[in-house]
C-alpha atoms as a PDB file:
ATOM      1  CA  UNK A   1       0.000   0.000   0.000  1.00  0.00           C
ATOM      2  CA  UNK A   2       1.288   3.338  -1.016  1.00  0.00           C
ATOM      3  CA  UNK A   3       0.608   6.340   1.081  1.00  0.00           C
ATOM      4  CA  UNK A   4       0.738   9.583  -0.674  1.00  0.00           C
ATOM      5  CA  UNK A   5       1.967  12.173   1.602  1.00  0.00           C
ATOM      6  CA  UNK A   6       1.397  15.717   0.431  1.00  0.00           C
ATOM      7  CA  UNK A   7       2.567  18.664   2.358  1.00  0.00           C
ATOM      8  CA  UNK A   8       0.110  21.497   2.689  1.00  0.00           C
ATOM      9  CA  UNK A   9       1.712  24.896   2.545  1.00  0.00           C
ATOM     10  CA  UNK A  10       0.328  27.603   4.828  1.00  0.00           C
ATOM     11  CA  UNK A  11      -2.148  30.104   3.322  1.00  0.00           C
ATOM     12  CA  UNK A  12       0.287  33.024   3.383  1.00  0.00           C
ATOM     13  CA  UNK A  13       2.606  31.149   1.098  1.00  0.00           C
ATOM     14  CA  UNK A  14      -0.120  30.674  -1.464  1.00  0.00           C
ATOM     15  CA  UNK A  15      -0.497  33.254  -4.206  1.00  0.00           C
ATOM     16  CA  UNK A  16      -4.346  33.285  -4.495  1.00  0.00           C
ATOM     17  CA  UNK A  17      -5.167  34.761  -1.070  1.00  0.00           C
ATOM     18  CA  UNK A  18      -2.748  37.625  -1.756  1.00  0.00           C
ATOM     19  CA  UNK A  19      -4.235  38.153  -5.197  1.00  0.00           C
ATOM     20  CA  UNK A  20      -7.751  38.249  -3.753  1.00  0.00           C
ATOM     21  CA  UNK A  21      -6.696  40.703  -1.018  1.00  0.00           C
ATOM     22  CA  UNK A  22      -5.025  43.028  -3.518  1.00  0.00           C
ATOM     23  CA  UNK A  23      -8.343  44.572  -4.685  1.00  0.00           C
ATOM     24  CA  UNK A  24      -9.590  45.630  -1.223  1.00  0.00           C
ATOM     25  CA  UNK A  25      -6.080  46.858  -0.320  1.00  0.00           C
ATOM     26  CA  UNK A  26      -6.032  49.140  -3.374  1.00  0.00           C
ATOM     27  CA  UNK A  27      -9.482  50.462  -2.445  1.00  0.00           C
ATOM     28  CA  UNK A  28      -8.356  51.231   1.124  1.00  0.00           C
ATOM     29  CA  UNK A  29      -5.220  53.019  -0.123  1.00  0.00           C
ATOM     30  CA  UNK A  30      -7.277  55.030  -2.614  1.00  0.00           C
ATOM     31  CA  UNK A  31      -9.784  55.958   0.086  1.00  0.00           C
ATOM     32  CA  UNK A  32      -7.034  57.166   2.419  1.00  0.00           C
ATOM     33  CA  UNK A  33      -5.525  59.268  -0.376  1.00  0.00           C
ATOM     34  CA  UNK A  34      -8.943  60.728  -1.291  1.00  0.00           C
ATOM     35  CA  UNK A  35      -9.634  61.601   2.364  1.00  0.00           C
ATOM     36  CA  UNK A  36      -6.226  63.268   2.676  1.00  0.00           C
ATOM     37  CA  UNK A  37      -6.847  65.225  -0.533  1.00  0.00           C
ATOM     38  CA  UNK A  38     -10.296  66.371   0.650  1.00  0.00           C
ATOM     39  CA  UNK A  39      -9.160  67.525   4.091  1.00  0.00           C
ATOM     40  CA  UNK A  40      -5.704  68.928   3.307  1.00  0.00           C
ATOM     41  CA  UNK A  41      -6.960  71.939   1.293  1.00  0.00           C
ATOM     42  CA  UNK A  42     -10.220  73.767   2.032  1.00  0.00           C
ATOM     43  CA  UNK A  43     -12.591  74.424  -0.837  1.00  0.00           C
ATOM     44  CA  UNK A  44     -12.082  78.110  -1.800  1.00  0.00           C
ATOM     45  CA  UNK A  45     -15.506  78.330  -3.453  1.00  0.00           C
ATOM     46  CA  UNK A  46     -17.447  77.861  -0.201  1.00  0.00           C
ATOM     47  CA  UNK A  47     -18.165  81.086   1.695  1.00  0.00           C
ATOM     48  CA  UNK A  48     -17.919  80.995   5.469  1.00  0.00           C
ATOM     49  CA  UNK A  49     -20.219  83.908   6.359  1.00  0.00           C
ATOM     50  CA  UNK A  50     -23.395  83.635   4.293  1.00  0.00           C
ATOM     51  CA  UNK A  51     -25.198  86.439   6.133  1.00  0.00           C
ATOM     52  CA  UNK A  52     -22.427  88.933   5.448  1.00  0.00           C
ATOM     53  CA  UNK A  53     -22.375  87.897   1.772  1.00  0.00           C
ATOM     54  CA  UNK A  54     -26.142  88.409   1.584  1.00  0.00           C
ATOM     55  CA  UNK A  55     -25.846  91.936   2.935  1.00  0.00           C
ATOM     56  CA  UNK A  56     -23.075  92.669   0.443  1.00  0.00           C
ATOM     57  CA  UNK A  57     -25.341  91.624  -2.437  1.00  0.00           C
ATOM     58  CA  UNK A  58     -27.781  94.422  -1.574  1.00  0.00           C
ATOM     59  CA  UNK A  59     -24.913  96.934  -1.583  1.00  0.00           C
ATOM     60  CA  UNK A  60     -23.794  95.623  -4.985  1.00  0.00           C
ATOM     61  CA  UNK A  61     -27.312  96.006  -6.388  1.00  0.00           C
ATOM     62  CA  UNK A  62     -27.286  99.695  -5.392  1.00  0.00           C
ATOM     63  CA  UNK A  63     -24.013 100.156  -7.267  1.00  0.00           C
ATOM     64  CA  UNK A  64     -25.468  98.343 -10.293  1.00  0.00           C
ATOM     65  CA  UNK A  65     -28.436 100.754 -10.261  1.00  0.00           C
ATOM     66  CA  UNK A  66     -26.090 103.763 -10.205  1.00  0.00           C
ATOM     67  CA  UNK A  67     -24.212 102.363 -13.230  1.00  0.00           C
ATOM     68  CA  UNK A  68     -27.537 101.807 -14.971  1.00  0.00           C
ATOM     69  CA  UNK A  69     -28.660 105.374 -14.242  1.00  0.00           C
ATOM     70  CA  UNK A  70     -25.348 106.644 -15.666  1.00  0.00           C
ATOM     71  CA  UNK A  71     -25.877 104.489 -18.786  1.00  0.00           C
ATOM     72  CA  UNK A  72     -22.459 102.843 -18.459  1.00  0.00           C
ATOM     73  CA  UNK A  73     -21.070 100.057 -20.609  1.00  0.00           C
ATOM     74  CA  UNK A  74     -17.646  98.544 -21.030  1.00  0.00           C
ATOM     75  CA  UNK A  75     -15.834  96.424 -23.571  1.00  0.00           C
ATOM     76  CA  UNK A  76     -12.781  94.445 -22.552  1.00  0.00           C
ATOM     77  CA  UNK A  77     -10.477  92.124 -24.468  1.00  0.00           C
ATOM     78  CA  UNK A  78      -7.073  90.513 -24.286  1.00  0.00           C
ATOM     79  CA  UNK A  79      -4.458  90.742 -27.030  1.00  0.00           C
ATOM     80  CA  UNK A  80      -2.122  87.779 -26.522  1.00  0.00           C
ATOM     81  CA  UNK A  81       0.355  89.016 -29.163  1.00  0.00           C
ATOM     82  CA  UNK A  82       0.909  92.311 -27.342  1.00  0.00           C
ATOM     83  CA  UNK A  83       0.354  90.878 -23.861  1.00  0.00           C
ATOM     84  CA  UNK A  84      -2.187  93.557 -22.996  1.00  0.00           C
ATOM     85  CA  UNK A  85      -5.666  93.717 -21.565  1.00  0.00           C
ATOM     86  CA  UNK A  86      -7.536  96.550 -23.286  1.00  0.00           C
ATOM     87  CA  UNK A  87     -10.894  98.081 -22.617  1.00  0.00           C
ATOM     88  CA  UNK A  88     -13.157 101.087 -22.927  1.00  0.00           C
ATOM     89  CA  UNK A  89     -15.775 102.427 -20.530  1.00  0.00           C
ATOM     90  CA  UNK A  90     -18.474 104.707 -21.933  1.00  0.00           C
ATOM     91  CA  UNK A  91     -21.720 106.370 -21.068  1.00  0.00           C
ATOM     92  CA  UNK A  92     -24.772 105.799 -23.273  1.00  0.00           C
ATOM     93  CA  UNK A  93     -24.078 109.199 -24.859  1.00  0.00           C
ATOM     94  CA  UNK A  94     -20.717 107.894 -26.133  1.00  0.00           C
ATOM     95  CA  UNK A  95     -18.638 109.952 -23.700  1.00  0.00           C
ATOM     96  CA  UNK A  96     -15.769 108.103 -22.057  1.00  0.00           C
ATOM     97  CA  UNK A  97     -15.256 107.753 -18.334  1.00  0.00           C
ATOM     98  CA  UNK A  98     -11.974 109.368 -17.278  1.00  0.00           C
ATOM     99  CA  UNK A  99     -11.940 108.612 -13.540  1.00  0.00           C
ATOM    100  CA  UNK A 100      -9.584 105.935 -12.227  1.00  0.00           C
ATOM    101  CA  UNK A 101     -11.123 102.464 -12.371  1.00  0.00           C
ATOM    102  CA  UNK A 102     -10.715  99.405 -10.205  1.00  0.00           C
ATOM    103  CA  UNK A 103     -10.558  96.338 -12.392  1.00  0.00           C
ATOM    104  CA  UNK A 104     -10.851  92.804 -11.067  1.00  0.00           C
ATOM    105  CA  UNK A 105     -10.728  89.560 -13.006  1.00  0.00           C
ATOM    106  CA  UNK A 106     -11.736  86.759 -10.653  1.00  0.00           C
ATOM    107  CA  UNK A 107     -10.800  83.217 -11.640  1.00  0.00           C
ATOM    108  CA  UNK A 108     -13.798  80.881 -11.556  1.00  0.00           C
ATOM    109  CA  UNK A 109     -12.263  78.376  -9.122  1.00  0.00           C
ATOM    110  CA  UNK A 110      -8.796  79.508  -7.961  1.00  0.00           C
ATOM    111  CA  UNK A 111      -8.706  82.746  -5.917  1.00  0.00           C
ATOM    112  CA  UNK A 112      -4.898  82.931  -6.068  1.00  0.00           C
ATOM    113  CA  UNK A 113      -5.177  83.465  -9.857  1.00  0.00           C
ATOM    114  CA  UNK A 114      -7.335  86.597  -9.451  1.00  0.00           C
ATOM    115  CA  UNK A 115      -6.072  89.776 -11.106  1.00  0.00           C
ATOM    116  CA  UNK A 116      -6.680  93.184  -9.517  1.00  0.00           C
ATOM    117  CA  UNK A 117      -5.499  96.486 -10.921  1.00  0.00           C
ATOM    118  CA  UNK A 118      -6.245 100.191 -10.980  1.00  0.00           C
ATOM    119  CA  UNK A 119      -6.329 101.730 -14.458  1.00  0.00           C
ATOM    120  CA  UNK A 120      -6.536 105.315 -15.696  1.00  0.00           C
ATOM    121  CA  UNK A 121      -8.619 105.657 -18.885  1.00  0.00           C
ATOM    122  CA  UNK A 122      -7.843 108.344 -21.458  1.00  0.00           C
ATOM    123  CA  UNK A 123     -10.348 111.009 -22.575  1.00  0.00           C
ATOM    124  CA  UNK A 124     -12.230 108.469 -24.707  1.00  0.00           C
ATOM    125  CA  UNK A 125     -12.490 106.033 -21.784  1.00  0.00           C
ATOM    126  CA  UNK A 126      -9.904 103.598 -23.214  1.00  0.00           C
ATOM    127  CA  UNK A 127      -7.293 101.868 -21.080  1.00  0.00           C
ATOM    128  CA  UNK A 128      -4.576  99.281 -21.488  1.00  0.00           C
ATOM    129  CA  UNK A 129      -3.100  97.019 -18.843  1.00  0.00           C
ATOM    130  CA  UNK A 130       0.104  95.043 -19.532  1.00  0.00           C
ATOM    131  CA  UNK A 131      -0.575  91.416 -18.684  1.00  0.00           C
ATOM    132  CA  UNK A 132       1.960  88.715 -19.503  1.00  0.00           C
ATOM    133  CA  UNK A 133      -0.552  85.932 -19.985  1.00  0.00           C
ATOM    134  CA  UNK A 134      -4.243  85.519 -19.316  1.00  0.00           C
ATOM    135  CA  UNK A 135      -4.983  81.981 -18.237  1.00  0.00           C
ATOM    136  CA  UNK A 136      -7.522  79.965 -20.200  1.00  0.00           C
ATOM    137  CA  UNK A 137     -10.567  80.035 -17.929  1.00  0.00           C
ATOM    138  CA  UNK A 138     -13.947  81.503 -17.154  1.00  0.00           C
ATOM    139  CA  UNK A 139     -13.405  84.894 -15.526  1.00  0.00           C
ATOM    140  CA  UNK A 140     -15.781  87.057 -13.531  1.00  0.00           C
ATOM    141  CA  UNK A 141     -15.081  90.662 -14.549  1.00  0.00           C
ATOM    142  CA  UNK A 142     -15.770  93.503 -12.117  1.00  0.00           C
ATOM    143  CA  UNK A 143     -15.136  97.155 -12.909  1.00  0.00           C
ATOM    144  CA  UNK A 144     -15.970  99.899 -10.465  1.00  0.00           C
ATOM    145  CA  UNK A 145     -15.342 103.579 -10.050  1.00  0.00           C
ATOM    146  CA  UNK A 146     -12.546 104.814  -7.831  1.00  0.00           C
ATOM    147  CA  UNK A 147     -15.062 105.769  -5.118  1.00  0.00           C
ATOM    148  CA  UNK A 148     -16.817 102.387  -5.500  1.00  0.00           C
ATOM    149  CA  UNK A 149     -20.121 104.158  -6.121  1.00  0.00           C
ATOM    150  CA  UNK A 150     -20.937 102.166  -9.296  1.00  0.00           C
ATOM    151  CA  UNK A 151     -19.944  98.865 -10.818  1.00  0.00           C
ATOM    152  CA  UNK A 152     -20.217  96.771 -13.965  1.00  0.00           C
ATOM    153  CA  UNK A 153     -19.977  93.008 -13.688  1.00  0.00           C
ATOM    154  CA  UNK A 154     -20.144  90.028 -15.996  1.00  0.00           C
ATOM    155  CA  UNK A 155     -18.592  86.722 -17.017  1.00  0.00           C
ATOM    156  CA  UNK A 156     -15.951  86.132 -19.678  1.00  0.00           C
ATOM    157  CA  UNK A 157     -14.798  82.769 -21.069  1.00  0.00           C
ATOM    158  CA  UNK A 158     -11.264  83.390 -22.371  1.00  0.00           C
ATOM    159  CA  UNK A 159     -10.143  82.444 -25.082  1.00  0.00           C
ATOM    160  CA  UNK A 160     -13.478  81.131 -26.311  1.00  0.00           C
ATOM    161  CA  UNK A 161     -14.680  84.752 -26.281  1.00  0.00           C
ATOM    162  CA  UNK A 162     -12.041  87.208 -27.512  1.00  0.00           C
ATOM    163  CA  UNK A 163     -13.752  90.015 -25.670  1.00  0.00           C
ATOM    164  CA  UNK A 164     -16.807  90.785 -23.623  1.00  0.00           C
ATOM    165  CA  UNK A 165     -19.191  93.717 -23.310  1.00  0.00           C
ATOM    166  CA  UNK A 166     -20.553  94.597 -19.898  1.00  0.00           C
ATOM    167  CA  UNK A 167     -23.738  96.638 -19.776  1.00  0.00           C
ATOM    168  CA  UNK A 168     -25.480  98.019 -16.714  1.00  0.00           C
ATOM    169  CA  UNK A 169     -28.898  96.441 -17.035  1.00  0.00           C
ATOM    170  CA  UNK A 170     -30.395  96.436 -13.545  1.00  0.00           C
ATOM    171  CA  UNK A 171     -34.044  97.414 -13.409  1.00  0.00           C
ATOM    172  CA  UNK A 172     -35.019 100.433 -11.284  1.00  0.00           C
ATOM    173  CA  UNK A 173     -35.749  99.789  -7.602  1.00  0.00           C
ATOM    174  CA  UNK A 174     -39.528 100.252  -8.004  1.00  0.00           C
ATOM    175  CA  UNK A 175     -39.876  97.433 -10.513  1.00  0.00           C
ATOM    176  CA  UNK A 176     -37.687  95.105  -8.423  1.00  0.00           C
ATOM    177  CA  UNK A 177     -39.819  95.767  -5.325  1.00  0.00           C
ATOM    178  CA  UNK A 178     -43.015  95.275  -7.372  1.00  0.00           C
ATOM    179  CA  UNK A 179     -41.820  91.882  -8.629  1.00  0.00           C
ATOM    180  CA  UNK A 180     -41.464  90.523  -5.089  1.00  0.00           C
END
């Protein structure tokens, strides 16, 4: 009689248990990395003080109404060959605005990419701002007077749109109150 004697190797020396455990191990490692990524950098889009932001919106609407009453409009564009952001601010009559302007281009998702500048338009309301490179993105454009008594705002998808025209188009206060 022949006895077959086979030696059984322990499970940790087998390749199949390790292969089957590889999938869950990858999932755990990916989950740890995702958690680290989520908690290491706060989301810059979320606003901490909603009440304060709500009050600021009402102030902004007043400035929009002033711009509308003045009949203001603005065109802005970027010339990549010259490396310059150019624009013109005008009244409805065609007269240019000559007061110093605060110009802000806010990046859609990354606040550290925002561009802020003060520009001095010429007699026709034209200005030029040297800008090495304008990143490909959706920008929120905000232009306001030096005293911050009026503002023009809008969105601009560069380079899809070569330029953008901002027009003060807020309805008078009476019609806004009547709509509520």
